[in-house]
Amino acid sequence: MVANLLKKLASVFTPEGARDTYAYWLYAQCDRCGEKLRTRVDLRNDLSLRYGETDGQIIRFCHKTVIGSGRCFQKIEVALTFDANYQLIDRHIQGGNFIHEEEYFDRVTE
């Protein structure tokens, strides 16, 4: 509830042009300690190109290692695959689980 209020306030004070359209936010939870983590994937700089099996097919790939802020320092390995239009088409995680944005922000009220 508090997280939703904070998000609404932030959207009111953030000009439309200032929103980060080149970001994909990743939310995960550590398997070992349960810490909820958030990291940003820069769609302009963090992706590598892979050419598909058919002519002209472009796939963008990103590998991220996410580490918590002090509980257990377990590495969480994430692999993301995007299509030519920067839409997520596949994702894999090792050492943690994907969670929804709302689950991450709910930790503020815990």
PDB file of N, CA and C in Angstrom:
ATOM      1  N   MET A   1       0.825  -1.185   0.000  1.00  0.00           N
ATOM      2  CA  MET A   1       0.000   0.000   0.000  1.00  0.00           C
ATOM      3  C   MET A   1       0.876   1.258   0.000  1.00  0.00           C
ATOM      4  N   VAL A   2       1.859   1.282   0.868  1.00  0.00           N
ATOM      5  CA  VAL A   2       2.768   2.423   0.920  1.00  0.00           C
ATOM      6  C   VAL A   2       3.555   2.519  -0.382  1.00  0.00           C
ATOM      7  N   ALA A   3       3.953   1.346  -0.910  1.00  0.00           N
ATOM      8  CA  ALA A   3       4.723   1.335  -2.159  1.00  0.00           C
ATOM      9  C   ALA A   3       3.911   1.910  -3.308  1.00  0.00           C
ATOM     10  N   ASN A   4       2.627   1.577  -3.373  1.00  0.00           N
ATOM     11  CA  ASN A   4       1.773   2.111  -4.431  1.00  0.00           C
ATOM     12  C   ASN A   4       1.644   3.626  -4.315  1.00  0.00           C
ATOM     13  N   LEU A   5       1.519   4.121  -3.104  1.00  0.00           N
ATOM     14  CA  LEU A   5       1.431   5.559  -2.886  1.00  0.00           C
ATOM     15  C   LEU A   5       2.715   6.250  -3.326  1.00  0.00           C
ATOM     16  N   LEU A   6       3.859   5.651  -2.990  1.00  0.00           N
ATOM     17  CA  LEU A   6       5.141   6.234  -3.384  1.00  0.00           C
ATOM     18  C   LEU A   6       5.302   6.243  -4.894  1.00  0.00           C
ATOM     19  N   LYS A   7       4.869   5.176  -5.565  1.00  0.00           N
ATOM     20  CA  LYS A   7       4.962   5.122  -7.022  1.00  0.00           C
ATOM     21  C   LYS A   7       4.079   6.188  -7.663  1.00  0.00           C
ATOM     22  N   LYS A   8       2.880   6.392  -7.119  1.00  0.00           N
ATOM     23  CA  LYS A   8       1.982   7.413  -7.664  1.00  0.00           C
ATOM     24  C   LYS A   8       2.569   8.814  -7.475  1.00  0.00           C
ATOM     25  N   LEU A   9       3.140   9.063  -6.299  1.00  0.00           N
ATOM     26  CA  LEU A   9       3.769  10.356  -6.058  1.00  0.00           C
ATOM     27  C   LEU A   9       4.946  10.575  -7.002  1.00  0.00           C
ATOM     28  N   ALA A  10       5.747   9.557  -7.209  1.00  0.00           N
ATOM     29  CA  ALA A  10       6.893   9.678  -8.108  1.00  0.00           C
ATOM     30  C   ALA A  10       6.438   9.972  -9.525  1.00  0.00           C
ATOM     31  N   SER A  11       5.349   9.348  -9.968  1.00  0.00           N
ATOM     32  CA  SER A  11       4.879   9.582 -11.331  1.00  0.00           C
ATOM     33  C   SER A  11       4.342  10.997 -11.507  1.00  0.00           C
ATOM     34  N   VAL A  12       3.808  11.577 -10.449  1.00  0.00           N
ATOM     35  CA  VAL A  12       3.302  12.946 -10.520  1.00  0.00           C
ATOM     36  C   VAL A  12       4.458  13.937 -10.689  1.00  0.00           C
ATOM     37  N   PHE A  13       5.567  13.682 -10.001  1.00  0.00           N
ATOM     38  CA  PHE A  13       6.689  14.611 -10.010  1.00  0.00           C
ATOM     39  C   PHE A  13       7.742  14.311 -11.076  1.00  0.00           C
ATOM     40  N   THR A  14       7.561  13.233 -11.832  1.00  0.00           N
ATOM     41  CA  THR A  14       8.501  12.891 -12.899  1.00  0.00           C
ATOM     42  C   THR A  14       7.912  13.326 -14.226  1.00  0.00           C
ATOM     43  N   PRO A  15       8.566  14.233 -14.938  1.00  0.00           N
ATOM     44  CA  PRO A  15       8.043  14.662 -16.233  1.00  0.00           C
ATOM     45  C   PRO A  15       7.978  13.486 -17.205  1.00  0.00           C
ATOM     46  N   GLU A  16       7.005  13.506 -18.085  1.00  0.00           N
ATOM     47  CA  GLU A  16       6.781  12.406 -19.023  1.00  0.00           C
ATOM     48  C   GLU A  16       8.031  12.074 -19.827  1.00  0.00           C
ATOM     49  N   GLY A  17       8.762  13.072 -20.289  1.00  0.00           N
ATOM     50  CA  GLY A  17       9.949  12.829 -21.089  1.00  0.00           C
ATOM     51  C   GLY A  17      11.129  12.291 -20.299  1.00  0.00           C
ATOM     52  N   ALA A  18      11.080  12.398 -18.972  1.00  0.00           N
ATOM     53  CA  ALA A  18      12.207  11.980 -18.156  1.00  0.00           C
ATOM     54  C   ALA A  18      12.154  10.507 -17.766  1.00  0.00           C
ATOM     55  N   ARG A  19      11.060   9.848 -18.033  1.00  0.00           N
ATOM     56  CA  ARG A  19      10.953   8.433 -17.684  1.00  0.00           C
ATOM     57  C   ARG A  19      11.913   7.623 -18.534  1.00  0.00           C
ATOM     58  N   ASP A  20      12.478   6.606 -17.942  1.00  0.00           N
ATOM     59  CA  ASP A  20      13.514   5.806 -18.589  1.00  0.00           C
ATOM     60  C   ASP A  20      12.881   4.738 -19.470  1.00  0.00           C
ATOM     61  N   THR A  21      12.768   5.025 -20.752  1.00  0.00           N
ATOM     62  CA  THR A  21      12.171   4.067 -21.682  1.00  0.00           C
ATOM     63  C   THR A  21      13.180   3.023 -22.133  1.00  0.00           C
ATOM     64  N   TYR A  22      14.441   3.194 -21.788  1.00  0.00           N
ATOM     65  CA  TYR A  22      15.481   2.258 -22.190  1.00  0.00           C
ATOM     66  C   TYR A  22      15.890   1.331 -21.046  1.00  0.00           C
ATOM     67  N   ALA A  23      15.008   1.151 -20.082  1.00  0.00           N
ATOM     68  CA  ALA A  23      15.319   0.301 -18.936  1.00  0.00           C
ATOM     69  C   ALA A  23      14.349  -0.864 -18.859  1.00  0.00           C
ATOM     70  N   TYR A  24      14.891  -2.009 -18.504  1.00  0.00           N
ATOM     71  CA  TYR A  24      14.081  -3.172 -18.137  1.00  0.00           C
ATOM     72  C   TYR A  24      14.467  -3.473 -16.694  1.00  0.00           C
ATOM     73  N   TRP A  25      13.506  -3.420 -15.796  1.00  0.00           N
ATOM     74  CA  TRP A  25      13.776  -3.667 -14.384  1.00  0.00           C
ATOM     75  C   TRP A  25      13.556  -5.131 -14.085  1.00  0.00           C
ATOM     76  N   LEU A  26      14.518  -5.720 -13.415  1.00  0.00           N
ATOM     77  CA  LEU A  26      14.514  -7.132 -13.076  1.00  0.00           C
ATOM     78  C   LEU A  26      14.348  -7.267 -11.567  1.00  0.00           C
ATOM     79  N   TYR A  27      13.411  -8.114 -11.154  1.00  0.00           N
ATOM     80  CA  TYR A  27      13.142  -8.334  -9.740  1.00  0.00           C
ATOM     81  C   TYR A  27      13.354  -9.816  -9.432  1.00  0.00           C
ATOM     82  N   ALA A  28      14.127 -10.104  -8.386  1.00  0.00           N
ATOM     83  CA  ALA A  28      14.441 -11.486  -8.037  1.00  0.00           C
ATOM     84  C   ALA A  28      14.521 -11.628  -6.520  1.00  0.00           C
ATOM     85  N   GLN A  29      14.455 -12.885  -6.077  1.00  0.00           N
ATOM     86  CA  GLN A  29      14.587 -13.179  -4.661  1.00  0.00           C
ATOM     87  C   GLN A  29      15.628 -14.285  -4.504  1.00  0.00           C
ATOM     88  N   CYS A  30      16.559 -14.080  -3.607  1.00  0.00           N
ATOM     89  CA  CYS A  30      17.648 -15.021  -3.355  1.00  0.00           C
ATOM     90  C   CYS A  30      17.102 -16.323  -2.788  1.00  0.00           C
ATOM     91  N   ASP A  31      17.562 -17.458  -3.337  1.00  0.00           N
ATOM     92  CA  ASP A  31      17.163 -18.778  -2.830  1.00  0.00           C
ATOM     93  C   ASP A  31      17.706 -19.036  -1.429  1.00  0.00           C
ATOM     94  N   ARG A  32      18.885 -18.500  -1.129  1.00  0.00           N
ATOM     95  CA  ARG A  32      19.541 -18.820   0.134  1.00  0.00           C
ATOM     96  C   ARG A  32      18.966 -18.025   1.307  1.00  0.00           C
ATOM     97  N   CYS A  33      18.890 -16.694   1.165  1.00  0.00           N
ATOM     98  CA  CYS A  33      18.500 -15.868   2.316  1.00  0.00           C
ATOM     99  C   CYS A  33      17.129 -15.202   2.169  1.00  0.00           C
ATOM    100  N   GLY A  34      16.568 -15.233   0.958  1.00  0.00           N
ATOM    101  CA  GLY A  34      15.247 -14.642   0.751  1.00  0.00           C
ATOM    102  C   GLY A  34      15.252 -13.151   0.463  1.00  0.00           C
ATOM    103  N   GLU A  35      16.430 -12.547   0.372  1.00  0.00           N
ATOM    104  CA  GLU A  35      16.501 -11.110   0.084  1.00  0.00           C
ATOM    105  C   GLU A  35      15.877 -10.817  -1.285  1.00  0.00           C
ATOM    106  N   LYS A  36      15.082  -9.770  -1.350  1.00  0.00           N
ATOM    107  CA  LYS A  36      14.465  -9.341  -2.602  1.00  0.00           C
ATOM    108  C   LYS A  36      15.360  -8.286  -3.241  1.00  0.00           C
ATOM    109  N   LEU A  37      15.646  -8.482  -4.519  1.00  0.00           N
ATOM    110  CA  LEU A  37      16.608  -7.635  -5.216  1.00  0.00           C
ATOM    111  C   LEU A  37      15.994  -7.022  -6.462  1.00  0.00           C
ATOM    112  N   ARG A  38      16.534  -5.882  -6.846  1.00  0.00           N
ATOM    113  CA  ARG A  38      16.105  -5.199  -8.065  1.00  0.00           C
ATOM    114  C   ARG A  38      17.351  -4.716  -8.786  1.00  0.00           C
ATOM    115  N   THR A  39      17.376  -4.898 -10.102  1.00  0.00           N
ATOM    116  CA  THR A  39      18.478  -4.387 -10.898  1.00  0.00           C
ATOM    117  C   THR A  39      17.949  -3.906 -12.235  1.00  0.00           C
ATOM    118  N   ARG A  40      18.680  -2.987 -12.820  1.00  0.00           N
ATOM    119  CA  ARG A  40      18.275  -2.361 -14.077  1.00  0.00           C
ATOM    120  C   ARG A  40      19.095  -2.933 -15.222  1.00  0.00           C
ATOM    121  N   VAL A  41      18.408  -3.260 -16.308  1.00  0.00           N
ATOM    122  CA  VAL A  41      19.063  -3.658 -17.549  1.00  0.00           C
ATOM    123  C   VAL A  41      18.900  -2.491 -18.514  1.00  0.00           C
ATOM    124  N   ASP A  42      20.019  -1.938 -18.965  1.00  0.00           N
ATOM    125  CA  ASP A  42      19.993  -0.842 -19.930  1.00  0.00           C
ATOM    126  C   ASP A  42      19.839  -1.445 -21.322  1.00  0.00           C
ATOM    127  N   LEU A  43      18.696  -1.233 -21.939  1.00  0.00           N
ATOM    128  CA  LEU A  43      18.399  -1.838 -23.236  1.00  0.00           C
ATOM    129  C   LEU A  43      19.271  -1.288 -24.358  1.00  0.00           C
ATOM    130  N   ARG A  44      19.930  -0.157 -24.128  1.00  0.00           N
ATOM    131  CA  ARG A  44      20.825   0.409 -25.136  1.00  0.00           C
ATOM    132  C   ARG A  44      22.234  -0.150 -25.037  1.00  0.00           C
ATOM    133  N   ASN A  45      22.685  -0.479 -23.819  1.00  0.00           N
ATOM    134  CA  ASN A  45      24.090  -0.826 -23.623  1.00  0.00           C
ATOM    135  C   ASN A  45      24.360  -2.221 -23.076  1.00  0.00           C
ATOM    136  N   ASP A  46      23.406  -2.842 -22.406  1.00  0.00           N
ATOM    137  CA  ASP A  46      23.660  -4.127 -21.752  1.00  0.00           C
ATOM    138  C   ASP A  46      23.379  -5.339 -22.632  1.00  0.00           C
ATOM    139  N   LEU A  47      22.807  -5.136 -23.805  1.00  0.00           N
ATOM    140  CA  LEU A  47      22.410  -6.272 -24.641  1.00  0.00           C
ATOM    141  C   LEU A  47      23.451  -6.573 -25.708  1.00  0.00           C
ATOM    142  N   SER A  48      23.629  -7.858 -25.977  1.00  0.00           N
ATOM    143  CA  SER A  48      24.492  -8.319 -27.058  1.00  0.00           C
ATOM    144  C   SER A  48      23.616  -8.871 -28.168  1.00  0.00           C
ATOM    145  N   LEU A  49      24.073  -8.726 -29.405  1.00  0.00           N
ATOM    146  CA  LEU A  49      23.315  -9.231 -30.549  1.00  0.00           C
ATOM    147  C   LEU A  49      23.633 -10.687 -30.804  1.00  0.00           C
ATOM    148  N   ARG A  50      22.603 -11.430 -31.147  1.00  0.00           N
ATOM    149  CA  ARG A  50      22.737 -12.793 -31.641  1.00  0.00           C
ATOM    150  C   ARG A  50      21.852 -12.885 -32.868  1.00  0.00           C
ATOM    151  N   TYR A  51      22.365 -13.478 -33.879  1.00  0.00           N
ATOM    152  CA  TYR A  51      21.569 -13.621 -35.092  1.00  0.00           C
ATOM    153  C   TYR A  51      20.884 -14.973 -35.069  1.00  0.00           C
ATOM    154  N   GLY A  52      19.578 -14.956 -35.392  1.00  0.00           N
ATOM    155  CA  GLY A  52      18.772 -16.161 -35.334  1.00  0.00           C
ATOM    156  C   GLY A  52      19.053 -17.120 -36.470  1.00  0.00           C
ATOM    157  N   GLU A  53      18.325 -18.217 -36.462  1.00  0.00           N
ATOM    158  CA  GLU A  53      18.515 -19.262 -37.456  1.00  0.00           C
ATOM    159  C   GLU A  53      17.987 -18.859 -38.826  1.00  0.00           C
ATOM    160  N   THR A  54      17.029 -17.958 -38.866  1.00  0.00           N
ATOM    161  CA  THR A  54      16.493 -17.503 -40.144  1.00  0.00           C
ATOM    162  C   THR A  54      17.168 -16.209 -40.546  1.00  0.00           C
ATOM    163  N   ASP A  55      17.201 -15.929 -41.822  1.00  0.00           N
ATOM    164  CA  ASP A  55      17.837 -14.704 -42.322  1.00  0.00           C
ATOM    165  C   ASP A  55      17.159 -13.471 -41.740  1.00  0.00           C
ATOM    166  N   GLY A  56      17.962 -12.558 -41.252  1.00  0.00           N
ATOM    167  CA  GLY A  56      17.459 -11.286 -40.770  1.00  0.00           C
ATOM    168  C   GLY A  56      16.913 -11.307 -39.360  1.00  0.00           C
ATOM    169  N   GLN A  57      16.819 -12.462 -38.712  1.00  0.00           N
ATOM    170  CA  GLN A  57      16.290 -12.529 -37.350  1.00  0.00           C
ATOM    171  C   GLN A  57      17.360 -12.040 -36.373  1.00  0.00           C
ATOM    172  N   ILE A  58      16.997 -11.048 -35.582  1.00  0.00           N
ATOM    173  CA  ILE A  58      17.920 -10.491 -34.591  1.00  0.00           C
ATOM    174  C   ILE A  58      17.372 -10.772 -33.202  1.00  0.00           C
ATOM    175  N   ILE A  59      18.232 -11.296 -32.363  1.00  0.00           N
ATOM    176  CA  ILE A  59      17.882 -11.577 -30.974  1.00  0.00           C
ATOM    177  C   ILE A  59      18.900 -10.849 -30.106  1.00  0.00           C
ATOM    178  N   ARG A  60      18.416 -10.251 -29.046  1.00  0.00           N
ATOM    179  CA  ARG A  60      19.296  -9.553 -28.117  1.00  0.00           C
ATOM    180  C   ARG A  60      19.359 -10.347 -26.820  1.00  0.00           C
ATOM    181  N   PHE A  61      20.557 -10.445 -26.262  1.00  0.00           N
ATOM    182  CA  PHE A  61      20.788 -11.296 -25.105  1.00  0.00           C
ATOM    183  C   PHE A  61      21.516 -10.514 -24.015  1.00  0.00           C
ATOM    184  N   CYS A  62      21.192 -10.826 -22.776  1.00  0.00           N
ATOM    185  CA  CYS A  62      21.852 -10.177 -21.644  1.00  0.00           C
ATOM    186  C   CYS A  62      22.076 -11.206 -20.544  1.00  0.00           C
ATOM    187  N   HIS A  63      23.261 -11.179 -19.984  1.00  0.00           N
ATOM    188  CA  HIS A  63      23.577 -12.004 -18.828  1.00  0.00           C
ATOM    189  C   HIS A  63      23.938 -11.068 -17.683  1.00  0.00           C
ATOM    190  N   LYS A  64      23.280 -11.236 -16.543  1.00  0.00           N
ATOM    191  CA  LYS A  64      23.536 -10.398 -15.371  1.00  0.00           C
ATOM    192  C   LYS A  64      23.850 -11.289 -14.176  1.00  0.00           C
ATOM    193  N   THR A  65      24.771 -10.838 -13.366  1.00  0.00           N
ATOM    194  CA  THR A  65      25.026 -11.458 -12.074  1.00  0.00           C
ATOM    195  C   THR A  65      24.569 -10.463 -11.021  1.00  0.00           C
ATOM    196  N   VAL A  66      23.622 -10.885 -10.203  1.00  0.00           N
ATOM    197  CA  VAL A  66      23.035 -10.017  -9.186  1.00  0.00           C
ATOM    198  C   VAL A  66      23.475 -10.536  -7.819  1.00  0.00           C
ATOM    199  N   ILE A  67      23.932  -9.634  -6.967  1.00  0.00           N
ATOM    200  CA  ILE A  67      24.370  -9.994  -5.616  1.00  0.00           C
ATOM    201  C   ILE A  67      23.666  -9.066  -4.637  1.00  0.00           C
ATOM    202  N   GLY A  68      23.219  -9.623  -3.535  1.00  0.00           N
ATOM    203  CA  GLY A  68      22.497  -8.852  -2.528  1.00  0.00           C
ATOM    204  C   GLY A  68      23.357  -7.827  -1.823  1.00  0.00           C
ATOM    205  N   SER A  69      22.743  -7.159  -0.869  1.00  0.00           N
ATOM    206  CA  SER A  69      23.410  -6.024  -0.221  1.00  0.00           C
ATOM    207  C   SER A  69      23.979  -6.349   1.152  1.00  0.00           C
ATOM    208  N   GLY A  70      24.195  -7.603   1.467  1.00  0.00           N
ATOM    209  CA  GLY A  70      24.873  -7.836   2.720  1.00  0.00           C
ATOM    210  C   GLY A  70      24.401  -9.002   3.547  1.00  0.00           C
ATOM    211  N   ARG A  71      23.430  -9.741   3.094  1.00  0.00           N
ATOM    212  CA  ARG A  71      22.973 -10.871   3.907  1.00  0.00           C
ATOM    213  C   ARG A  71      23.830 -12.108   3.665  1.00  0.00           C
ATOM    214  N   CYS A  72      23.936 -12.526   2.404  1.00  0.00           N
ATOM    215  CA  CYS A  72      24.685 -13.758   2.153  1.00  0.00           C
ATOM    216  C   CYS A  72      25.604 -13.674   0.940  1.00  0.00           C
ATOM    217  N   PHE A  73      25.480 -12.677   0.134  1.00  0.00           N
ATOM    218  CA  PHE A  73      26.336 -12.452  -1.034  1.00  0.00           C
ATOM    219  C   PHE A  73      26.305 -13.587  -2.053  1.00  0.00           C
ATOM    220  N   GLN A  74      25.215 -14.347  -2.100  1.00  0.00           N
ATOM    221  CA  GLN A  74      25.099 -15.396  -3.109  1.00  0.00           C
ATOM    222  C   GLN A  74      24.918 -14.756  -4.481  1.00  0.00           C
ATOM    223  N   LYS A  75      25.601 -15.309  -5.476  1.00  0.00           N
ATOM    224  CA  LYS A  75      25.440 -14.829  -6.842  1.00  0.00           C
ATOM    225  C   LYS A  75      24.159 -15.401  -7.431  1.00  0.00           C
ATOM    226  N   ILE A  76      23.380 -14.524  -8.045  1.00  0.00           N
ATOM    227  CA  ILE A  76      22.183 -14.940  -8.775  1.00  0.00           C
ATOM    228  C   ILE A  76      22.453 -14.647 -10.237  1.00  0.00           C
ATOM    229  N   GLU A  77      22.487 -15.697 -11.043  1.00  0.00           N
ATOM    230  CA  GLU A  77      22.790 -15.584 -12.469  1.00  0.00           C
ATOM    231  C   GLU A  77      21.483 -15.497 -13.255  1.00  0.00           C
ATOM    232  N   VAL A  78      21.375 -14.465 -14.086  1.00  0.00           N
ATOM    233  CA  VAL A  78      20.167 -14.231 -14.865  1.00  0.00           C
ATOM    234  C   VAL A  78      20.532 -14.113 -16.338  1.00  0.00           C
ATOM    235  N   ALA A  79      19.777 -14.800 -17.184  1.00  0.00           N
ATOM    236  CA  ALA A  79      19.940 -14.700 -18.636  1.00  0.00           C
ATOM    237  C   ALA A  79      18.613 -14.245 -19.224  1.00  0.00           C
ATOM    238  N   LEU A  80      18.643 -13.161 -19.992  1.00  0.00           N
ATOM    239  CA  LEU A  80      17.451 -12.589 -20.600  1.00  0.00           C
ATOM    240  C   LEU A  80      17.615 -12.567 -22.112  1.00  0.00           C
ATOM    241  N   THR A  81      16.540 -12.869 -22.830  1.00  0.00           N
ATOM    242  CA  THR A  81      16.548 -12.817 -24.285  1.00  0.00           C
ATOM    243  C   THR A  81      15.427 -11.901 -24.744  1.00  0.00           C
ATOM    244  N   PHE A  82      15.766 -10.966 -25.628  1.00  0.00           N
ATOM    245  CA  PHE A  82      14.814  -9.997 -26.161  1.00  0.00           C
ATOM    246  C   PHE A  82      14.734 -10.159 -27.680  1.00  0.00           C
ATOM    247  N   ASP A  83      13.586  -9.815 -28.248  1.00  0.00           N
ATOM    248  CA  ASP A  83      13.459  -9.831 -29.705  1.00  0.00           C
ATOM    249  C   ASP A  83      13.981  -8.516 -30.289  1.00  0.00           C
ATOM    250  N   ALA A  84      13.842  -8.351 -31.579  1.00  0.00           N
ATOM    251  CA  ALA A  84      14.349  -7.160 -32.263  1.00  0.00           C
ATOM    252  C   ALA A  84      13.669  -5.879 -31.783  1.00  0.00           C
ATOM    253  N   ASN A  85      12.465  -6.002 -31.211  1.00  0.00           N
ATOM    254  CA  ASN A  85      11.729  -4.843 -30.705  1.00  0.00           C
ATOM    255  C   ASN A  85      11.911  -4.640 -29.203  1.00  0.00           C
ATOM    256  N   TYR A  86      12.928  -5.285 -28.638  1.00  0.00           N
ATOM    257  CA  TYR A  86      13.259  -5.164 -27.225  1.00  0.00           C
ATOM    258  C   TYR A  86      12.164  -5.711 -26.304  1.00  0.00           C
ATOM    259  N   GLN A  87      11.408  -6.667 -26.786  1.00  0.00           N
ATOM    260  CA  GLN A  87      10.394  -7.323 -25.961  1.00  0.00           C
ATOM    261  C   GLN A  87      11.001  -8.605 -25.399  1.00  0.00           C
ATOM    262  N   LEU A  88      10.836  -8.825 -24.099  1.00  0.00           N
ATOM    263  CA  LEU A  88      11.386 -10.013 -23.455  1.00  0.00           C
ATOM    264  C   LEU A  88      10.711 -11.262 -24.016  1.00  0.00           C
ATOM    265  N   ILE A  89      11.520 -12.224 -24.471  1.00  0.00           N
ATOM    266  CA  ILE A  89      10.946 -13.461 -25.015  1.00  0.00           C
ATOM    267  C   ILE A  89      11.356 -14.695 -24.212  1.00  0.00           C
ATOM    268  N   ASP A  90      12.399 -14.594 -23.386  1.00  0.00           N
ATOM    269  CA  ASP A  90      12.820 -15.741 -22.594  1.00  0.00           C
ATOM    270  C   ASP A  90      13.672 -15.253 -21.428  1.00  0.00           C
ATOM    271  N   ARG A  91      13.616 -15.986 -20.313  1.00  0.00           N
ATOM    272  CA  ARG A  91      14.424 -15.633 -19.161  1.00  0.00           C
ATOM    273  C   ARG A  91      14.723 -16.884 -18.341  1.00  0.00           C
ATOM    274  N   HIS A  92      15.906 -16.910 -17.757  1.00  0.00           N
ATOM    275  CA  HIS A  92      16.341 -18.018 -16.909  1.00  0.00           C
ATOM    276  C   HIS A  92      17.054 -17.433 -15.699  1.00  0.00           C
ATOM    277  N   ILE A  93      16.944 -18.139 -14.585  1.00  0.00           N
ATOM    278  CA  ILE A  93      17.595 -17.672 -13.360  1.00  0.00           C
ATOM    279  C   ILE A  93      18.175 -18.871 -12.617  1.00  0.00           C
ATOM    280  N   GLN A  94      19.324 -18.641 -11.983  1.00  0.00           N
ATOM    281  CA  GLN A  94      19.965 -19.670 -11.173  1.00  0.00           C
ATOM    282  C   GLN A  94      20.408 -19.026  -9.865  1.00  0.00           C
ATOM    283  N   GLY A  95      20.042 -19.633  -8.738  1.00  0.00           N
ATOM    284  CA  GLY A  95      20.395 -19.088  -7.430  1.00  0.00           C
ATOM    285  C   GLY A  95      19.308 -18.220  -6.831  1.00  0.00           C
ATOM    286  N   GLY A  96      18.202 -18.081  -7.539  1.00  0.00           N
ATOM    287  CA  GLY A  96      17.090 -17.264  -7.062  1.00  0.00           C
ATOM    288  C   GLY A  96      15.845 -17.536  -7.872  1.00  0.00           C
ATOM    289  N   ASN A  97      14.823 -16.752  -7.622  1.00  0.00           N
ATOM    290  CA  ASN A  97      13.552 -16.847  -8.335  1.00  0.00           C
ATOM    291  C   ASN A  97      13.136 -15.463  -8.792  1.00  0.00           C
ATOM    292  N   PHE A  98      12.484 -15.406  -9.932  1.00  0.00           N
ATOM    293  CA  PHE A  98      11.914 -14.139 -10.381  1.00  0.00           C
ATOM    294  C   PHE A  98      10.700 -13.811  -9.528  1.00  0.00           C
ATOM    295  N   ILE A  99      10.546 -12.546  -9.198  1.00  0.00           N
ATOM    296  CA  ILE A  99       9.359 -12.078  -8.487  1.00  0.00           C
ATOM    297  C   ILE A  99       8.779 -10.898  -9.255  1.00  0.00           C
ATOM    298  N   HIS A 100       7.551 -10.539  -8.936  1.00  0.00           N
ATOM    299  CA  HIS A 100       6.906  -9.387  -9.566  1.00  0.00           C
ATOM    300  C   HIS A 100       7.328  -8.098  -8.877  1.00  0.00           C
ATOM    301  N   GLU A 101       7.223  -7.021  -9.595  1.00  0.00           N
ATOM    302  CA  GLU A 101       7.581  -5.702  -9.066  1.00  0.00           C
ATOM    303  C   GLU A 101       6.845  -5.422  -7.754  1.00  0.00           C
ATOM    304  N   GLU A 102       5.575  -5.779  -7.689  1.00  0.00           N
ATOM    305  CA  GLU A 102       4.778  -5.518  -6.487  1.00  0.00           C
ATOM    306  C   GLU A 102       5.336  -6.263  -5.279  1.00  0.00           C
ATOM    307  N   GLU A 103       5.834  -7.479  -5.495  1.00  0.00           N
ATOM    308  CA  GLU A 103       6.417  -8.250  -4.397  1.00  0.00           C
ATOM    309  C   GLU A 103       7.668  -7.556  -3.858  1.00  0.00           C
ATOM    310  N   TYR A 104       8.465  -6.982  -4.750  1.00  0.00           N
ATOM    311  CA  TYR A 104       9.663  -6.270  -4.314  1.00  0.00           C
ATOM    312  C   TYR A 104       9.294  -5.062  -3.476  1.00  0.00           C
ATOM    313  N   PHE A 105       8.336  -4.271  -3.927  1.00  0.00           N
ATOM    314  CA  PHE A 105       7.968  -3.050  -3.217  1.00  0.00           C
ATOM    315  C   PHE A 105       7.162  -3.331  -1.962  1.00  0.00           C
ATOM    316  N   ASP A 106       6.552  -4.509  -1.849  1.00  0.00           N
ATOM    317  CA  ASP A 106       5.847  -4.877  -0.637  1.00  0.00           C
ATOM    318  C   ASP A 106       6.808  -5.057   0.530  1.00  0.00           C
ATOM    319  N   ARG A 107       8.091  -5.287   0.248  1.00  0.00           N
ATOM    320  CA  ARG A 107       9.069  -5.458   1.316  1.00  0.00           C
ATOM    321  C   ARG A 107       9.227  -4.206   2.156  1.00  0.00           C
ATOM    322  N   VAL A 108       8.849  -3.048   1.574  1.00  0.00           N
ATOM    323  CA  VAL A 108       8.948  -1.778   2.299  1.00  0.00           C
ATOM    324  C   VAL A 108       8.010  -1.776   3.495  1.00  0.00           C
ATOM    325  N   THR A 109       6.870  -2.451   3.376  1.00  0.00           N
ATOM    326  CA  THR A 109       5.886  -2.437   4.450  1.00  0.00           C
ATOM    327  C   THR A 109       6.083  -3.589   5.427  1.00  0.00           C
ATOM    328  N   GLU A 110       7.007  -4.515   5.128  1.00  0.00           N
ATOM    329  CA  GLU A 110       7.216  -5.670   6.028  1.00  0.00           C
ATOM    330  C   GLU A 110       7.953  -5.265   7.283  1.00  0.00           C
TER     331      GLU A 110
END
